[in-house]
N, C-alpha and C. Protein backbone atom coordinates (compact mmCIF):
# COMPACT_ATOMS: atom_id res chain seq x y z
N MET A 1 -17.83 2.60 5.67
CA MET A 1 -17.73 1.15 5.53
C MET A 1 -16.94 0.79 4.27
N ALA A 2 -16.09 -0.22 4.36
CA ALA A 2 -15.27 -0.63 3.22
C ALA A 2 -16.13 -1.10 2.06
N GLN A 3 -15.72 -0.76 0.86
CA GLN A 3 -16.41 -1.19 -0.35
C GLN A 3 -15.90 -2.55 -0.84
N TYR A 4 -14.71 -2.94 -0.36
CA TYR A 4 -14.08 -4.17 -0.85
C TYR A 4 -13.66 -5.04 0.35
N SER A 5 -13.85 -6.35 0.22
CA SER A 5 -13.45 -7.28 1.27
C SER A 5 -11.93 -7.43 1.28
N ARG A 6 -11.41 -7.99 2.36
CA ARG A 6 -9.96 -8.15 2.45
C ARG A 6 -9.44 -9.10 1.37
N ILE A 7 -10.23 -10.09 0.98
CA ILE A 7 -9.80 -11.00 -0.07
C ILE A 7 -9.74 -10.28 -1.41
N GLU A 8 -10.72 -9.43 -1.67
CA GLU A 8 -10.72 -8.65 -2.91
C GLU A 8 -9.52 -7.72 -2.96
N VAL A 9 -9.23 -7.07 -1.83
CA VAL A 9 -8.09 -6.14 -1.78
C VAL A 9 -6.78 -6.89 -1.99
N ALA A 10 -6.63 -8.02 -1.32
CA ALA A 10 -5.41 -8.82 -1.47
C ALA A 10 -5.23 -9.26 -2.92
N SER A 11 -6.32 -9.61 -3.58
CA SER A 11 -6.25 -10.05 -4.97
C SER A 11 -5.78 -8.92 -5.89
N VAL A 12 -6.29 -7.71 -5.65
CA VAL A 12 -5.89 -6.57 -6.47
C VAL A 12 -4.43 -6.19 -6.19
N MET A 13 -4.02 -6.28 -4.93
CA MET A 13 -2.61 -6.02 -4.60
C MET A 13 -1.69 -6.96 -5.37
N LYS A 14 -2.07 -8.24 -5.39
CA LYS A 14 -1.28 -9.23 -6.11
C LYS A 14 -1.31 -8.97 -7.61
N GLU A 15 -2.48 -8.63 -8.13
CA GLU A 15 -2.64 -8.40 -9.57
C GLU A 15 -1.88 -7.17 -10.03
N ASN A 16 -2.03 -6.05 -9.30
CA ASN A 16 -1.34 -4.81 -9.69
C ASN A 16 0.16 -4.88 -9.43
N GLY A 17 0.52 -5.44 -8.29
CA GLY A 17 1.94 -5.56 -7.96
C GLY A 17 2.55 -4.33 -7.33
N MET A 18 1.77 -3.26 -7.19
CA MET A 18 2.31 -2.02 -6.63
C MET A 18 1.22 -1.26 -5.90
N VAL A 19 1.57 -0.72 -4.73
CA VAL A 19 0.67 0.14 -3.98
C VAL A 19 1.33 1.51 -3.82
N PRO A 20 0.86 2.54 -4.52
CA PRO A 20 1.40 3.88 -4.32
C PRO A 20 1.06 4.42 -2.92
N LEU A 21 2.01 5.12 -2.30
CA LEU A 21 1.81 5.74 -0.99
C LEU A 21 1.85 7.25 -1.16
N PHE A 22 0.96 7.94 -0.46
CA PHE A 22 0.89 9.39 -0.68
C PHE A 22 0.24 10.09 0.51
N TYR A 23 0.78 11.26 0.84
CA TYR A 23 0.10 12.16 1.79
C TYR A 23 0.35 13.61 1.38
N HIS A 24 -0.69 14.40 1.46
CA HIS A 24 -0.59 15.85 1.28
C HIS A 24 -1.85 16.46 1.88
N PRO A 25 -1.73 17.58 2.57
CA PRO A 25 -2.91 18.18 3.20
C PRO A 25 -3.88 18.84 2.22
N ASP A 26 -3.43 19.10 0.99
CA ASP A 26 -4.26 19.79 -0.01
C ASP A 26 -5.19 18.78 -0.68
N ILE A 27 -6.48 18.93 -0.46
CA ILE A 27 -7.45 17.96 -0.98
C ILE A 27 -7.50 17.96 -2.51
N GLU A 28 -7.49 19.14 -3.11
CA GLU A 28 -7.57 19.21 -4.58
C GLU A 28 -6.33 18.61 -5.22
N LEU A 29 -5.18 18.89 -4.63
CA LEU A 29 -3.96 18.27 -5.14
C LEU A 29 -4.05 16.75 -5.01
N GLY A 30 -4.58 16.30 -3.89
CA GLY A 30 -4.74 14.87 -3.66
C GLY A 30 -5.63 14.22 -4.70
N LYS A 31 -6.71 14.89 -5.07
CA LYS A 31 -7.60 14.35 -6.09
C LYS A 31 -6.87 14.20 -7.43
N ASN A 32 -6.05 15.18 -7.76
CA ASN A 32 -5.30 15.12 -9.02
C ASN A 32 -4.27 14.00 -9.00
N VAL A 33 -3.63 13.80 -7.85
CA VAL A 33 -2.67 12.70 -7.71
C VAL A 33 -3.39 11.36 -7.86
N LEU A 34 -4.54 11.24 -7.20
CA LEU A 34 -5.33 10.02 -7.29
C LEU A 34 -5.70 9.71 -8.74
N LYS A 35 -6.18 10.72 -9.45
CA LYS A 35 -6.61 10.51 -10.83
C LYS A 35 -5.43 10.15 -11.73
N ALA A 36 -4.29 10.77 -11.49
CA ALA A 36 -3.11 10.46 -12.30
C ALA A 36 -2.68 9.01 -12.09
N CYS A 37 -2.70 8.56 -10.84
CA CYS A 37 -2.35 7.17 -10.55
C CYS A 37 -3.37 6.22 -11.17
N TYR A 38 -4.63 6.58 -11.09
CA TYR A 38 -5.71 5.78 -11.66
C TYR A 38 -5.57 5.69 -13.18
N ASP A 39 -5.35 6.84 -13.81
CA ASP A 39 -5.20 6.86 -15.27
C ASP A 39 -3.94 6.11 -15.71
N GLY A 40 -2.95 6.04 -14.81
CA GLY A 40 -1.74 5.29 -15.11
C GLY A 40 -1.90 3.79 -14.94
N GLY A 41 -3.05 3.37 -14.40
CA GLY A 41 -3.34 1.95 -14.28
C GLY A 41 -3.42 1.42 -12.86
N SER A 42 -3.06 2.24 -11.88
CA SER A 42 -3.12 1.76 -10.50
C SER A 42 -4.57 1.70 -10.02
N ARG A 43 -4.87 0.67 -9.26
CA ARG A 43 -6.21 0.54 -8.68
C ARG A 43 -6.13 0.51 -7.15
N LEU A 44 -4.99 0.99 -6.63
CA LEU A 44 -4.79 1.05 -5.19
C LEU A 44 -4.12 2.36 -4.81
N MET A 45 -4.43 2.86 -3.62
CA MET A 45 -3.72 4.01 -3.08
C MET A 45 -3.72 3.91 -1.56
N GLU A 46 -2.53 3.99 -0.98
CA GLU A 46 -2.40 4.05 0.47
C GLU A 46 -2.19 5.51 0.87
N PHE A 47 -3.18 6.07 1.54
CA PHE A 47 -3.07 7.44 2.05
C PHE A 47 -2.37 7.37 3.40
N THR A 48 -1.16 7.90 3.46
CA THR A 48 -0.38 7.82 4.70
C THR A 48 -0.81 8.95 5.64
N ALA A 49 -1.59 8.62 6.63
CA ALA A 49 -2.25 9.61 7.49
C ALA A 49 -1.29 10.16 8.55
N ARG A 50 -0.44 11.07 8.13
CA ARG A 50 0.61 11.56 9.02
C ARG A 50 0.41 12.98 9.50
N GLY A 51 -0.50 13.72 8.91
CA GLY A 51 -0.64 15.13 9.26
C GLY A 51 -1.88 15.41 10.09
N ASP A 52 -1.92 16.62 10.65
CA ASP A 52 -3.10 17.04 11.40
C ASP A 52 -4.33 17.05 10.48
N PHE A 53 -5.45 16.59 11.01
CA PHE A 53 -6.72 16.54 10.28
C PHE A 53 -6.64 15.67 9.02
N ALA A 54 -5.75 14.69 9.05
CA ALA A 54 -5.59 13.80 7.90
C ALA A 54 -6.89 13.05 7.62
N PHE A 55 -7.68 12.81 8.66
CA PHE A 55 -8.94 12.07 8.47
C PHE A 55 -9.91 12.86 7.60
N GLU A 56 -9.86 14.18 7.68
CA GLU A 56 -10.74 15.01 6.85
C GLU A 56 -10.32 14.92 5.38
N VAL A 57 -9.02 14.92 5.15
CA VAL A 57 -8.51 14.83 3.78
C VAL A 57 -8.87 13.46 3.19
N PHE A 58 -8.63 12.40 3.96
CA PHE A 58 -8.93 11.06 3.46
C PHE A 58 -10.41 10.91 3.13
N SER A 59 -11.26 11.44 3.99
CA SER A 59 -12.70 11.34 3.77
C SER A 59 -13.09 11.92 2.41
N GLU A 60 -12.55 13.08 2.09
CA GLU A 60 -12.88 13.72 0.82
C GLU A 60 -12.29 12.95 -0.36
N LEU A 61 -11.06 12.45 -0.20
CA LEU A 61 -10.44 11.71 -1.29
C LEU A 61 -11.17 10.40 -1.55
N ASN A 62 -11.61 9.73 -0.49
CA ASN A 62 -12.32 8.47 -0.68
C ASN A 62 -13.68 8.69 -1.32
N LYS A 63 -14.36 9.76 -0.94
CA LYS A 63 -15.64 10.09 -1.59
C LYS A 63 -15.43 10.34 -3.07
N TYR A 64 -14.35 11.05 -3.39
CA TYR A 64 -14.03 11.34 -4.78
C TYR A 64 -13.74 10.06 -5.55
N ALA A 65 -12.95 9.16 -4.94
CA ALA A 65 -12.61 7.90 -5.60
C ALA A 65 -13.85 7.07 -5.88
N ILE A 66 -14.74 6.99 -4.90
CA ILE A 66 -15.98 6.20 -5.06
C ILE A 66 -16.84 6.77 -6.18
N LYS A 67 -16.90 8.09 -6.27
CA LYS A 67 -17.76 8.75 -7.25
C LYS A 67 -17.16 8.78 -8.66
N ALA A 68 -15.85 9.06 -8.74
CA ALA A 68 -15.26 9.37 -10.05
C ALA A 68 -14.28 8.33 -10.58
N LEU A 69 -13.79 7.43 -9.71
CA LEU A 69 -12.75 6.50 -10.13
C LEU A 69 -13.18 5.06 -9.81
N PRO A 70 -14.06 4.49 -10.61
CA PRO A 70 -14.58 3.15 -10.32
C PRO A 70 -13.47 2.11 -10.24
N GLY A 71 -13.50 1.33 -9.16
CA GLY A 71 -12.49 0.29 -8.98
C GLY A 71 -11.26 0.73 -8.23
N MET A 72 -11.17 2.02 -7.89
CA MET A 72 -10.02 2.51 -7.12
C MET A 72 -10.20 2.16 -5.65
N ILE A 73 -9.23 1.45 -5.09
CA ILE A 73 -9.32 0.97 -3.70
C ILE A 73 -8.45 1.84 -2.81
N MET A 74 -9.09 2.59 -1.94
CA MET A 74 -8.39 3.50 -1.04
C MET A 74 -8.16 2.85 0.32
N GLY A 75 -6.93 2.92 0.81
CA GLY A 75 -6.60 2.45 2.14
C GLY A 75 -5.83 3.52 2.88
N VAL A 76 -5.49 3.23 4.13
CA VAL A 76 -4.80 4.21 4.97
C VAL A 76 -3.58 3.57 5.61
N GLY A 77 -2.46 4.31 5.61
CA GLY A 77 -1.24 3.83 6.23
C GLY A 77 -0.82 4.70 7.40
N SER A 78 0.26 4.30 8.06
CA SER A 78 0.81 5.00 9.23
C SER A 78 -0.17 4.98 10.40
N ILE A 79 -0.96 3.92 10.51
CA ILE A 79 -1.92 3.78 11.60
C ILE A 79 -1.23 3.09 12.78
N THR A 80 -1.36 3.68 13.97
CA THR A 80 -0.61 3.18 15.12
C THR A 80 -1.46 2.65 16.27
N ASP A 81 -2.80 2.75 16.16
CA ASP A 81 -3.65 2.19 17.22
C ASP A 81 -5.02 1.85 16.65
N ALA A 82 -5.77 1.06 17.42
CA ALA A 82 -7.07 0.58 16.96
C ALA A 82 -8.08 1.70 16.80
N ALA A 83 -7.98 2.73 17.64
CA ALA A 83 -8.93 3.84 17.55
C ALA A 83 -8.82 4.54 16.19
N ALA A 84 -7.58 4.78 15.76
CA ALA A 84 -7.36 5.42 14.45
C ALA A 84 -7.84 4.50 13.33
N ALA A 85 -7.55 3.20 13.45
CA ALA A 85 -8.01 2.25 12.43
C ALA A 85 -9.53 2.27 12.32
N SER A 86 -10.21 2.27 13.46
CA SER A 86 -11.67 2.29 13.46
C SER A 86 -12.22 3.57 12.83
N LEU A 87 -11.58 4.69 13.12
CA LEU A 87 -12.01 5.97 12.56
C LEU A 87 -11.94 5.94 11.04
N PHE A 88 -10.82 5.48 10.52
CA PHE A 88 -10.66 5.47 9.06
C PHE A 88 -11.53 4.41 8.39
N MET A 89 -11.75 3.29 9.07
CA MET A 89 -12.66 2.30 8.50
C MET A 89 -14.08 2.84 8.43
N GLN A 90 -14.46 3.65 9.41
CA GLN A 90 -15.77 4.29 9.38
C GLN A 90 -15.91 5.22 8.18
N MET A 91 -14.78 5.74 7.72
CA MET A 91 -14.77 6.62 6.55
C MET A 91 -14.58 5.85 5.25
N GLY A 92 -14.58 4.52 5.35
CA GLY A 92 -14.55 3.71 4.14
C GLY A 92 -13.19 3.17 3.75
N ALA A 93 -12.20 3.23 4.63
CA ALA A 93 -10.89 2.67 4.29
C ALA A 93 -11.02 1.18 3.99
N ASN A 94 -10.47 0.77 2.86
CA ASN A 94 -10.58 -0.63 2.43
C ASN A 94 -9.42 -1.50 2.91
N PHE A 95 -8.37 -0.86 3.39
CA PHE A 95 -7.27 -1.60 4.01
C PHE A 95 -6.52 -0.67 4.95
N ILE A 96 -5.88 -1.27 5.94
CA ILE A 96 -5.15 -0.53 6.96
C ILE A 96 -3.70 -1.04 6.98
N VAL A 97 -2.76 -0.12 6.90
CA VAL A 97 -1.34 -0.46 6.93
C VAL A 97 -0.71 0.18 8.15
N THR A 98 0.10 -0.60 8.87
CA THR A 98 0.69 -0.12 10.11
C THR A 98 2.21 -0.23 10.06
N PRO A 99 2.93 0.64 10.77
CA PRO A 99 4.40 0.55 10.78
C PRO A 99 4.92 -0.60 11.64
N SER A 100 4.08 -1.12 12.54
CA SER A 100 4.51 -2.21 13.42
C SER A 100 3.35 -3.17 13.63
N LEU A 101 3.66 -4.31 14.23
CA LEU A 101 2.65 -5.33 14.49
C LEU A 101 1.91 -5.01 15.79
N ARG A 102 0.59 -4.78 15.65
CA ARG A 102 -0.23 -4.46 16.83
C ARG A 102 -1.49 -5.31 16.82
N GLU A 103 -1.66 -6.06 17.91
CA GLU A 103 -2.79 -6.97 17.99
C GLU A 103 -4.12 -6.22 18.08
N ASP A 104 -4.13 -5.03 18.70
CA ASP A 104 -5.39 -4.29 18.82
C ASP A 104 -5.92 -3.88 17.44
N ILE A 105 -5.01 -3.53 16.53
CA ILE A 105 -5.42 -3.16 15.18
C ILE A 105 -5.91 -4.39 14.42
N ALA A 106 -5.22 -5.50 14.62
CA ALA A 106 -5.65 -6.75 13.98
C ALA A 106 -7.08 -7.10 14.37
N ILE A 107 -7.38 -7.00 15.65
CA ILE A 107 -8.72 -7.34 16.14
C ILE A 107 -9.77 -6.41 15.53
N ALA A 108 -9.48 -5.11 15.53
CA ALA A 108 -10.43 -4.13 14.99
C ALA A 108 -10.71 -4.37 13.51
N CYS A 109 -9.65 -4.67 12.73
CA CYS A 109 -9.82 -4.90 11.30
C CYS A 109 -10.48 -6.24 11.01
N ASN A 110 -10.08 -7.27 11.74
CA ASN A 110 -10.68 -8.60 11.53
C ASN A 110 -12.17 -8.59 11.81
N ARG A 111 -12.55 -7.79 12.80
CA ARG A 111 -13.98 -7.71 13.15
C ARG A 111 -14.79 -7.23 11.96
N ARG A 112 -14.22 -6.34 11.16
CA ARG A 112 -14.92 -5.79 9.99
C ARG A 112 -14.50 -6.46 8.69
N LYS A 113 -13.64 -7.48 8.79
CA LYS A 113 -13.13 -8.18 7.61
C LYS A 113 -12.44 -7.22 6.63
N VAL A 114 -11.66 -6.30 7.21
CA VAL A 114 -10.87 -5.35 6.43
C VAL A 114 -9.42 -5.81 6.44
N LEU A 115 -8.78 -5.79 5.28
CA LEU A 115 -7.39 -6.20 5.20
C LEU A 115 -6.51 -5.28 6.02
N TRP A 116 -5.59 -5.86 6.79
CA TRP A 116 -4.60 -5.07 7.52
C TRP A 116 -3.23 -5.63 7.22
N SER A 117 -2.27 -4.76 7.02
CA SER A 117 -0.92 -5.16 6.65
C SER A 117 0.06 -4.54 7.64
N PRO A 118 0.57 -5.33 8.60
CA PRO A 118 1.44 -4.80 9.64
C PRO A 118 2.90 -4.78 9.23
N GLY A 119 3.62 -3.76 9.66
CA GLY A 119 5.05 -3.71 9.43
C GLY A 119 5.76 -4.74 10.30
N CYS A 120 6.48 -5.66 9.67
CA CYS A 120 7.19 -6.72 10.39
C CYS A 120 8.66 -6.72 9.97
N GLY A 121 9.52 -7.15 10.90
CA GLY A 121 10.94 -7.17 10.61
C GLY A 121 11.65 -8.42 11.06
N SER A 122 10.88 -9.45 11.41
CA SER A 122 11.48 -10.71 11.81
C SER A 122 10.53 -11.85 11.48
N LEU A 123 11.08 -13.06 11.41
CA LEU A 123 10.25 -14.22 11.14
C LEU A 123 9.23 -14.43 12.25
N THR A 124 9.61 -14.14 13.48
CA THR A 124 8.69 -14.28 14.61
C THR A 124 7.49 -13.36 14.44
N GLU A 125 7.74 -12.09 14.07
CA GLU A 125 6.64 -11.14 13.86
C GLU A 125 5.77 -11.57 12.69
N ILE A 126 6.40 -12.03 11.62
CA ILE A 126 5.64 -12.48 10.45
C ILE A 126 4.73 -13.65 10.82
N ASN A 127 5.27 -14.61 11.54
CA ASN A 127 4.46 -15.76 11.95
C ASN A 127 3.31 -15.35 12.85
N ARG A 128 3.56 -14.43 13.77
CA ARG A 128 2.50 -13.97 14.67
C ARG A 128 1.41 -13.25 13.88
N ALA A 129 1.80 -12.42 12.93
CA ALA A 129 0.82 -11.70 12.10
C ALA A 129 -0.05 -12.69 11.32
N GLU A 130 0.58 -13.72 10.77
CA GLU A 130 -0.17 -14.71 10.00
C GLU A 130 -1.10 -15.51 10.91
N GLU A 131 -0.67 -15.77 12.12
CA GLU A 131 -1.53 -16.46 13.08
C GLU A 131 -2.77 -15.63 13.42
N MET A 132 -2.63 -14.29 13.30
CA MET A 132 -3.75 -13.39 13.57
C MET A 132 -4.57 -13.10 12.31
N GLY A 133 -4.24 -13.79 11.21
CA GLY A 133 -5.06 -13.68 10.01
C GLY A 133 -4.57 -12.72 8.95
N CYS A 134 -3.33 -12.26 9.06
CA CYS A 134 -2.81 -11.31 8.07
C CYS A 134 -2.63 -11.97 6.71
N GLU A 135 -3.11 -11.31 5.66
CA GLU A 135 -2.99 -11.82 4.29
C GLU A 135 -1.65 -11.42 3.66
N ILE A 136 -1.28 -10.15 3.84
CA ILE A 136 -0.05 -9.63 3.21
C ILE A 136 0.76 -8.88 4.26
N ILE A 137 1.98 -9.33 4.46
CA ILE A 137 2.89 -8.72 5.42
C ILE A 137 3.56 -7.50 4.78
N LYS A 138 3.67 -6.43 5.55
CA LYS A 138 4.46 -5.28 5.12
C LYS A 138 5.87 -5.43 5.68
N LEU A 139 6.86 -5.57 4.81
CA LEU A 139 8.25 -5.61 5.25
C LEU A 139 8.74 -4.18 5.37
N PHE A 140 9.03 -3.76 6.61
CA PHE A 140 9.36 -2.35 6.82
C PHE A 140 10.44 -2.21 7.87
N PRO A 141 11.43 -1.33 7.61
CA PRO A 141 11.70 -0.69 6.31
C PRO A 141 12.40 -1.64 5.35
N GLY A 142 11.91 -1.70 4.15
CA GLY A 142 12.44 -2.64 3.17
C GLY A 142 13.92 -2.43 2.88
N SER A 143 14.38 -1.19 2.96
CA SER A 143 15.78 -0.88 2.66
C SER A 143 16.72 -1.53 3.67
N THR A 144 16.23 -1.78 4.88
CA THR A 144 17.07 -2.39 5.92
C THR A 144 17.28 -3.88 5.66
N TYR A 145 16.29 -4.54 5.08
CA TYR A 145 16.33 -5.99 4.92
C TYR A 145 16.73 -6.43 3.52
N GLY A 146 16.12 -5.83 2.50
CA GLY A 146 16.48 -6.16 1.13
C GLY A 146 15.84 -7.44 0.62
N PRO A 147 15.96 -7.70 -0.69
CA PRO A 147 15.36 -8.88 -1.30
C PRO A 147 15.85 -10.20 -0.71
N GLY A 148 17.10 -10.24 -0.25
CA GLY A 148 17.63 -11.47 0.32
C GLY A 148 16.85 -11.96 1.51
N PHE A 149 16.33 -11.02 2.31
CA PHE A 149 15.52 -11.38 3.47
C PHE A 149 14.21 -12.04 3.02
N VAL A 150 13.60 -11.48 1.99
CA VAL A 150 12.35 -12.04 1.46
C VAL A 150 12.58 -13.46 0.95
N LYS A 151 13.65 -13.64 0.20
CA LYS A 151 13.97 -14.96 -0.35
C LYS A 151 14.19 -15.98 0.76
N ALA A 152 14.87 -15.54 1.83
CA ALA A 152 15.14 -16.44 2.95
C ALA A 152 13.87 -16.84 3.68
N ILE A 153 12.94 -15.90 3.82
CA ILE A 153 11.67 -16.18 4.50
C ILE A 153 10.81 -17.12 3.67
N ARG A 154 10.75 -16.87 2.37
CA ARG A 154 9.84 -17.64 1.52
C ARG A 154 10.39 -19.03 1.19
N GLY A 155 11.65 -19.27 1.52
CA GLY A 155 12.18 -20.62 1.33
C GLY A 155 11.41 -21.64 2.16
N PRO A 156 11.40 -21.48 3.49
CA PRO A 156 10.64 -22.40 4.32
C PRO A 156 9.15 -22.06 4.41
N GLN A 157 8.78 -20.84 4.00
CA GLN A 157 7.37 -20.40 4.09
C GLN A 157 6.89 -19.82 2.77
N PRO A 158 6.71 -20.66 1.76
CA PRO A 158 6.29 -20.15 0.45
C PRO A 158 4.89 -19.55 0.44
N TRP A 159 4.13 -19.81 1.50
CA TRP A 159 2.78 -19.25 1.58
C TRP A 159 2.76 -17.79 2.04
N THR A 160 3.88 -17.30 2.52
CA THR A 160 3.94 -15.94 3.05
C THR A 160 3.94 -14.90 1.94
N SER A 161 2.99 -13.96 2.00
CA SER A 161 2.90 -12.87 1.02
C SER A 161 3.51 -11.61 1.63
N ILE A 162 4.43 -11.00 0.91
CA ILE A 162 5.19 -9.87 1.46
C ILE A 162 5.12 -8.67 0.54
N MET A 163 4.94 -7.49 1.16
CA MET A 163 4.97 -6.20 0.46
C MET A 163 6.05 -5.32 1.10
N PRO A 164 7.23 -5.21 0.48
CA PRO A 164 8.24 -4.32 1.03
C PRO A 164 7.87 -2.85 0.79
N THR A 165 8.12 -2.04 1.78
CA THR A 165 7.89 -0.59 1.66
C THR A 165 9.12 0.11 2.22
N GLY A 166 9.63 1.07 1.47
CA GLY A 166 10.89 1.71 1.84
C GLY A 166 12.02 0.97 1.13
N GLY A 167 12.80 1.69 0.35
CA GLY A 167 13.87 1.03 -0.39
C GLY A 167 13.44 0.46 -1.72
N VAL A 168 12.21 0.77 -2.14
CA VAL A 168 11.72 0.32 -3.44
C VAL A 168 11.71 1.51 -4.39
N THR A 169 12.29 1.34 -5.58
CA THR A 169 12.33 2.41 -6.57
C THR A 169 11.72 1.93 -7.88
N THR A 170 11.59 2.84 -8.83
CA THR A 170 11.02 2.50 -10.13
C THR A 170 12.06 1.92 -11.08
N GLU A 171 13.31 1.82 -10.65
CA GLU A 171 14.36 1.31 -11.51
C GLU A 171 14.18 -0.21 -11.72
N GLU A 172 14.47 -0.65 -12.93
CA GLU A 172 14.23 -2.06 -13.28
C GLU A 172 15.05 -3.00 -12.40
N ALA A 173 16.32 -2.67 -12.16
CA ALA A 173 17.16 -3.55 -11.35
C ALA A 173 16.62 -3.70 -9.94
N ASN A 174 16.10 -2.61 -9.38
CA ASN A 174 15.55 -2.65 -8.03
C ASN A 174 14.30 -3.52 -7.99
N LEU A 175 13.38 -3.28 -8.91
CA LEU A 175 12.14 -4.06 -8.95
C LEU A 175 12.41 -5.53 -9.25
N LYS A 176 13.36 -5.79 -10.13
CA LYS A 176 13.69 -7.17 -10.47
C LYS A 176 14.19 -7.91 -9.22
N GLY A 177 15.01 -7.25 -8.42
CA GLY A 177 15.51 -7.88 -7.21
C GLY A 177 14.39 -8.29 -6.28
N TRP A 178 13.43 -7.41 -6.08
CA TRP A 178 12.31 -7.71 -5.18
C TRP A 178 11.42 -8.81 -5.72
N PHE A 179 11.03 -8.72 -7.00
CA PHE A 179 10.09 -9.70 -7.54
C PHE A 179 10.76 -11.06 -7.78
N ASP A 180 12.03 -11.06 -8.10
CA ASP A 180 12.75 -12.33 -8.20
C ASP A 180 12.80 -13.03 -6.84
N ALA A 181 12.82 -12.23 -5.76
CA ALA A 181 12.86 -12.80 -4.41
C ALA A 181 11.51 -13.36 -3.99
N GLY A 182 10.44 -12.95 -4.70
CA GLY A 182 9.12 -13.53 -4.44
C GLY A 182 8.12 -12.63 -3.74
N VAL A 183 8.31 -11.29 -3.82
CA VAL A 183 7.32 -10.42 -3.18
C VAL A 183 5.99 -10.49 -3.93
N THR A 184 4.91 -10.24 -3.20
CA THR A 184 3.57 -10.20 -3.80
C THR A 184 3.32 -8.87 -4.49
N CYS A 185 3.77 -7.81 -3.85
CA CYS A 185 3.65 -6.47 -4.40
C CYS A 185 4.65 -5.59 -3.68
N VAL A 186 4.78 -4.35 -4.13
CA VAL A 186 5.68 -3.39 -3.48
C VAL A 186 4.91 -2.12 -3.13
N GLY A 187 5.29 -1.50 -2.02
CA GLY A 187 4.76 -0.19 -1.68
C GLY A 187 5.76 0.86 -2.09
N MET A 188 5.29 1.91 -2.75
CA MET A 188 6.21 2.93 -3.25
C MET A 188 5.67 4.34 -2.99
N GLY A 189 6.46 5.14 -2.28
CA GLY A 189 6.04 6.48 -1.93
C GLY A 189 6.75 7.55 -2.73
N SER A 190 7.74 8.21 -2.11
CA SER A 190 8.39 9.35 -2.74
C SER A 190 9.20 8.99 -3.97
N GLN A 191 9.57 7.71 -4.11
CA GLN A 191 10.28 7.30 -5.33
C GLN A 191 9.34 7.30 -6.54
N LEU A 192 8.05 7.27 -6.26
CA LEU A 192 7.04 7.28 -7.33
C LEU A 192 6.37 8.65 -7.41
N ILE A 193 5.84 9.10 -6.28
CA ILE A 193 5.17 10.40 -6.21
C ILE A 193 6.14 11.36 -5.52
N SER A 194 7.04 11.92 -6.30
CA SER A 194 8.15 12.69 -5.75
C SER A 194 7.73 14.11 -5.35
N LYS A 195 8.58 14.74 -4.55
CA LYS A 195 8.35 16.13 -4.16
C LYS A 195 8.32 17.05 -5.37
N ASP A 196 9.16 16.76 -6.36
CA ASP A 196 9.19 17.58 -7.57
C ASP A 196 7.87 17.47 -8.34
N ILE A 197 7.34 16.27 -8.44
CA ILE A 197 6.06 16.07 -9.13
C ILE A 197 4.97 16.88 -8.44
N LEU A 198 4.95 16.82 -7.10
CA LEU A 198 3.93 17.54 -6.34
C LEU A 198 4.13 19.06 -6.45
N ALA A 199 5.38 19.51 -6.34
CA ALA A 199 5.66 20.95 -6.40
C ALA A 199 5.30 21.53 -7.76
N ASN A 200 5.58 20.76 -8.81
CA ASN A 200 5.31 21.23 -10.18
C ASN A 200 3.93 20.84 -10.68
N LYS A 201 3.19 20.09 -9.85
CA LYS A 201 1.87 19.59 -10.24
C LYS A 201 1.93 18.90 -11.60
N ASP A 202 2.95 18.07 -11.74
CA ASP A 202 3.19 17.35 -13.00
C ASP A 202 2.38 16.05 -13.00
N TYR A 203 1.10 16.18 -13.15
CA TYR A 203 0.22 15.01 -13.07
C TYR A 203 0.35 14.11 -14.29
N ASN A 204 0.63 14.69 -15.45
CA ASN A 204 0.86 13.87 -16.64
C ASN A 204 2.13 13.03 -16.46
N GLY A 205 3.15 13.66 -15.89
CA GLY A 205 4.39 12.93 -15.64
C GLY A 205 4.18 11.81 -14.64
N LEU A 206 3.35 12.05 -13.64
CA LEU A 206 3.05 11.02 -12.65
C LEU A 206 2.29 9.85 -13.29
N GLU A 207 1.33 10.18 -14.12
CA GLU A 207 0.57 9.13 -14.82
C GLU A 207 1.50 8.23 -15.63
N GLN A 208 2.44 8.84 -16.34
CA GLN A 208 3.38 8.08 -17.15
C GLN A 208 4.31 7.24 -16.28
N LYS A 209 4.71 7.79 -15.14
CA LYS A 209 5.61 7.07 -14.23
C LYS A 209 4.92 5.85 -13.64
N VAL A 210 3.66 6.01 -13.26
CA VAL A 210 2.89 4.89 -12.72
C VAL A 210 2.70 3.82 -13.79
N SER A 211 2.32 4.24 -14.98
CA SER A 211 2.11 3.31 -16.09
C SER A 211 3.39 2.53 -16.39
N HIS A 212 4.51 3.23 -16.41
CA HIS A 212 5.80 2.58 -16.71
C HIS A 212 6.14 1.55 -15.63
N ALA A 213 5.95 1.92 -14.37
CA ALA A 213 6.27 1.01 -13.27
C ALA A 213 5.41 -0.25 -13.33
N LEU A 214 4.12 -0.08 -13.61
CA LEU A 214 3.22 -1.24 -13.68
C LEU A 214 3.57 -2.14 -14.86
N GLU A 215 3.92 -1.55 -15.98
CA GLU A 215 4.32 -2.34 -17.14
C GLU A 215 5.61 -3.10 -16.86
N LEU A 216 6.53 -2.44 -16.15
CA LEU A 216 7.80 -3.08 -15.80
C LEU A 216 7.58 -4.26 -14.87
N ILE A 217 6.70 -4.09 -13.90
CA ILE A 217 6.37 -5.18 -12.98
C ILE A 217 5.74 -6.35 -13.74
N LYS A 218 4.85 -6.02 -14.65
CA LYS A 218 4.21 -7.07 -15.45
C LYS A 218 5.24 -7.84 -16.27
N LYS A 219 6.19 -7.13 -16.83
CA LYS A 219 7.24 -7.77 -17.64
C LYS A 219 8.13 -8.66 -16.77
N LEU A 220 8.47 -8.17 -15.58
CA LEU A 220 9.37 -8.92 -14.70
C LEU A 220 8.71 -10.21 -14.19
N ARG A 221 7.39 -10.18 -14.10
CA ARG A 221 6.66 -11.36 -13.61
C ARG A 221 6.43 -12.39 -14.71
N ALA A 222 6.52 -11.97 -15.96
CA ALA A 222 6.19 -12.86 -17.08
C ALA A 222 7.20 -14.01 -17.18
C-alpha cells in the first residue's frame, strides 16, 4: 500500500523539480544508488520496471527506502497495463508512470488514490489525461517535442503540469530551457545515473551529481 497520497507525491515532485529514473537487477547496487540519490537531496525515485522479476527488485528497494530513508518516495515506471500497476501498488508503489495514456491504468490508480503520470504527446492526449484526473503529465519522449511544445501547451492551459522525460540533461542550458518553458519537474535517467557510474559504483559521484542538479534547478526557478 502506498505511504503517500497522490497530492503529497505531486507536491514533492513540484518541490524537488526532478525525478531520477533507474533500473538494475542487482538489489544491493540498487540500494546504494537509492541512498546516493537520497543523500544528494532527492526525495523521489522512479524504478523503471523493465527487466525480468523487476517486481522482486522493487519490493526489496521499497522496503529498504521505508526502513532506512525517511521521506523517500518510491514509484514505478514503464508500466503498460492495469495488472502490472496493481501488482506494484500492492508492493507499496507511491506513483505509477506509463509510456502511453491508458485508461485501465488510470482507473486502477484512481481507485487507490495513487498518482499516475501517463506519457502524452499531443494536446488531445493531455486533455484526456486531465479529464481522467491526472495531476502531472509525462511528456514523452521529451527530446522529440522540446521546451517549445511545453510553452505552447501552457499558453492556453497554464494549469497543466508537465514532466518531460527523455532529452533532459544535467547541463544548465538544457534545464533552463525546460524550466523557462514552465515544466513542473523533469524526469532524468541515464543522463543522471549513467552506465559509467553504475559500472564503477561511483556512488559519491552520483550523490554530487544529484545535489548539483537539484541546486541548479533551485537557482533556475528563483
